[in-house]
C-alpha atoms as a PDB file:
ATOM      1  CA  MET A   1     -25.248  29.649 -14.276  1.00  0.00           C
ATOM      2  CA  LYS A   2     -23.982  26.567 -16.083  1.00  0.00           C
ATOM      3  CA  ALA A   3     -25.348  23.055 -16.233  1.00  0.00           C
ATOM      4  CA  HIS A   4     -23.078  20.059 -16.731  1.00  0.00           C
ATOM      5  CA  VAL A   5     -25.165  17.248 -18.250  1.00  0.00           C
ATOM      6  CA  THR A   6     -23.869  13.712 -18.710  1.00  0.00           C
ATOM      7  CA  VAL A   7     -25.826  11.242 -20.820  1.00  0.00           C
ATOM      8  CA  THR A   8     -24.986   7.539 -20.642  1.00  0.00           C
ATOM      9  CA  LEU A   9     -26.500   4.306 -21.825  1.00  0.00           C
ATOM     10  CA  LYS A  10     -28.683   2.581 -19.267  1.00  0.00           C
ATOM     11  CA  THR A  11     -26.855  -0.224 -17.496  1.00  0.00           C
ATOM     12  CA  SER A  12     -29.220  -2.754 -19.103  1.00  0.00           C
ATOM     13  CA  VAL A  13     -28.094  -1.663 -22.601  1.00  0.00           C
ATOM     14  CA  LEU A  14     -24.984  -3.194 -24.178  1.00  0.00           C
ATOM     15  CA  ASP A  15     -22.195  -0.683 -24.839  1.00  0.00           C
ATOM     16  CA  PRO A  16     -20.054  -1.952 -27.735  1.00  0.00           C
ATOM     17  CA  GLN A  17     -17.984   1.248 -27.895  1.00  0.00           C
ATOM     18  CA  GLY A  18     -17.194   1.020 -24.189  1.00  0.00           C
ATOM     19  CA  GLN A  19     -16.271  -2.650 -24.610  1.00  0.00           C
ATOM     20  CA  THR A  20     -13.969  -1.798 -27.524  1.00  0.00           C
ATOM     21  CA  ILE A  21     -12.228   0.849 -25.419  1.00  0.00           C
ATOM     22  CA  HIS A  22     -11.899  -1.613 -22.540  1.00  0.00           C
ATOM     23  CA  ASN A  23     -10.337  -4.192 -24.865  1.00  0.00           C
ATOM     24  CA  ALA A  24      -7.920  -1.588 -26.268  1.00  0.00           C
ATOM     25  CA  LEU A  25      -6.799  -0.654 -22.759  1.00  0.00           C
ATOM     26  CA  GLY A  26      -5.900  -4.279 -22.095  1.00  0.00           C
ATOM     27  CA  LYS A  27      -3.951  -4.481 -25.354  1.00  0.00           C
ATOM     28  CA  ILE A  28      -1.764  -1.536 -24.355  1.00  0.00           C
ATOM     29  CA  GLY A  29      -1.061  -3.026 -20.954  1.00  0.00           C
ATOM     30  CA  ILE A  30      -3.564  -1.217 -18.746  1.00  0.00           C
ATOM     31  CA  GLN A  31      -5.030  -3.840 -16.434  1.00  0.00           C
ATOM     32  CA  GLY A  32      -6.659  -1.835 -13.623  1.00  0.00           C
ATOM     33  CA  VAL A  33      -9.912  -0.956 -15.422  1.00  0.00           C
ATOM     34  CA  GLU A  34     -12.774  -3.401 -14.888  1.00  0.00           C
ATOM     35  CA  ALA A  35     -15.276  -1.850 -17.328  1.00  0.00           C
ATOM     36  CA  VAL A  36     -15.817   1.172 -19.582  1.00  0.00           C
ATOM     37  CA  ARG A  37     -19.145   2.847 -20.375  1.00  0.00           C
ATOM     38  CA  GLN A  38     -19.107   5.656 -22.923  1.00  0.00           C
ATOM     39  CA  GLY A  39     -21.423   8.644 -22.954  1.00  0.00           C
ATOM     40  CA  LYS A  40     -21.964  12.246 -23.976  1.00  0.00           C
ATOM     41  CA  TYR A  41     -21.238  15.473 -22.083  1.00  0.00           C
ATOM     42  CA  PHE A  42     -23.028  18.789 -22.567  1.00  0.00           C
ATOM     43  CA  LEU A  43     -22.262  22.179 -21.022  1.00  0.00           C
ATOM     44  CA  LEU A  44     -25.298  24.458 -21.033  1.00  0.00           C
ATOM     45  CA  THR A  45     -24.914  28.153 -20.249  1.00  0.00           C
ATOM     46  CA  LEU A  46     -28.194  29.285 -18.726  1.00  0.00           C
ATOM     47  CA  SER A  47     -29.769  32.716 -18.555  1.00  0.00           C
ATOM     48  CA  PRO A  48     -28.804  34.591 -15.382  1.00  0.00           C
ATOM     49  CA  SER A  49     -32.470  35.503 -14.929  1.00  0.00           C
ATOM     50  CA  LEU A  50     -33.385  31.888 -14.084  1.00  0.00           C
ATOM     51  CA  THR A  51     -33.823  30.959 -10.451  1.00  0.00           C
ATOM     52  CA  LYS A  52     -32.129  27.769  -9.305  1.00  0.00           C
ATOM     53  CA  ASP A  53     -35.462  25.920  -9.290  1.00  0.00           C
ATOM     54  CA  ALA A  54     -36.338  27.197 -12.781  1.00  0.00           C
ATOM     55  CA  ALA A  55     -32.864  26.283 -14.050  1.00  0.00           C
ATOM     56  CA  ARG A  56     -33.199  22.788 -12.605  1.00  0.00           C
ATOM     57  CA  ALA A  57     -36.586  22.339 -14.305  1.00  0.00           C
ATOM     58  CA  GLU A  58     -35.271  23.609 -17.656  1.00  0.00           C
ATOM     59  CA  VAL A  59     -32.195  21.408 -17.590  1.00  0.00           C
ATOM     60  CA  GLU A  60     -34.253  18.331 -16.749  1.00  0.00           C
ATOM     61  CA  ARG A  61     -36.675  19.156 -19.577  1.00  0.00           C
ATOM     62  CA  ILE A  62     -33.851  19.718 -22.086  1.00  0.00           C
ATOM     63  CA  ALA A  63     -32.046  16.553 -21.048  1.00  0.00           C
ATOM     64  CA  ARG A  64     -35.194  14.436 -21.081  1.00  0.00           C
ATOM     65  CA  ASP A  65     -36.741  15.815 -24.307  1.00  0.00           C
ATOM     66  CA  VAL A  66     -33.710  16.693 -26.447  1.00  0.00           C
ATOM     67  CA  LEU A  67     -30.410  15.256 -25.232  1.00  0.00           C
ATOM     68  CA  THR A  68     -31.409  11.670 -24.442  1.00  0.00           C
ATOM     69  CA  ASN A  69     -33.211   8.773 -25.988  1.00  0.00           C
ATOM     70  CA  PRO A  70     -35.209   7.705 -22.902  1.00  0.00           C
ATOM     71  CA  VAL A  71     -35.521   4.129 -24.125  1.00  0.00           C
ATOM     72  CA  ILE A  72     -31.776   3.453 -23.914  1.00  0.00           C
ATOM     73  CA  GLU A  73     -30.178   6.459 -22.162  1.00  0.00           C
ATOM     74  CA  GLU A  74     -30.260   8.202 -18.799  1.00  0.00           C
ATOM     75  CA  PHE A  75     -28.823  11.498 -17.628  1.00  0.00           C
ATOM     76  CA  THR A  76     -27.330  13.215 -14.629  1.00  0.00           C
ATOM     77  CA  TYR A  77     -26.574  16.886 -14.221  1.00  0.00           C
ATOM     78  CA  LYS A  78     -24.941  19.391 -11.922  1.00  0.00           C
ATOM     79  CA  LEU A  79     -25.667  23.112 -11.720  1.00  0.00           C
ATOM     80  CA  GLU A  80     -22.792  25.534 -11.243  1.00  0.00           C
ATOM     81  CA  GLU A  81     -23.316  29.156 -10.274  1.00  0.00           C
END
């Protein structure tokens, strides 16, 4: 089983890197993008012995305690069998 975890800045936190990318897109003539938010992506390969519920709990724990700074970041994830 694999877990796809995406970590992004909370919407209330300014994203200077995303803003820089957005500005660069405009400079090269791309006008259809209203905003850019940058983030991090993690692919976790989980033990096959984990049940789906146990995998979900482990991924949430890893994302919350290791992969994110809960003050400024949030995460989403998807499990893949």
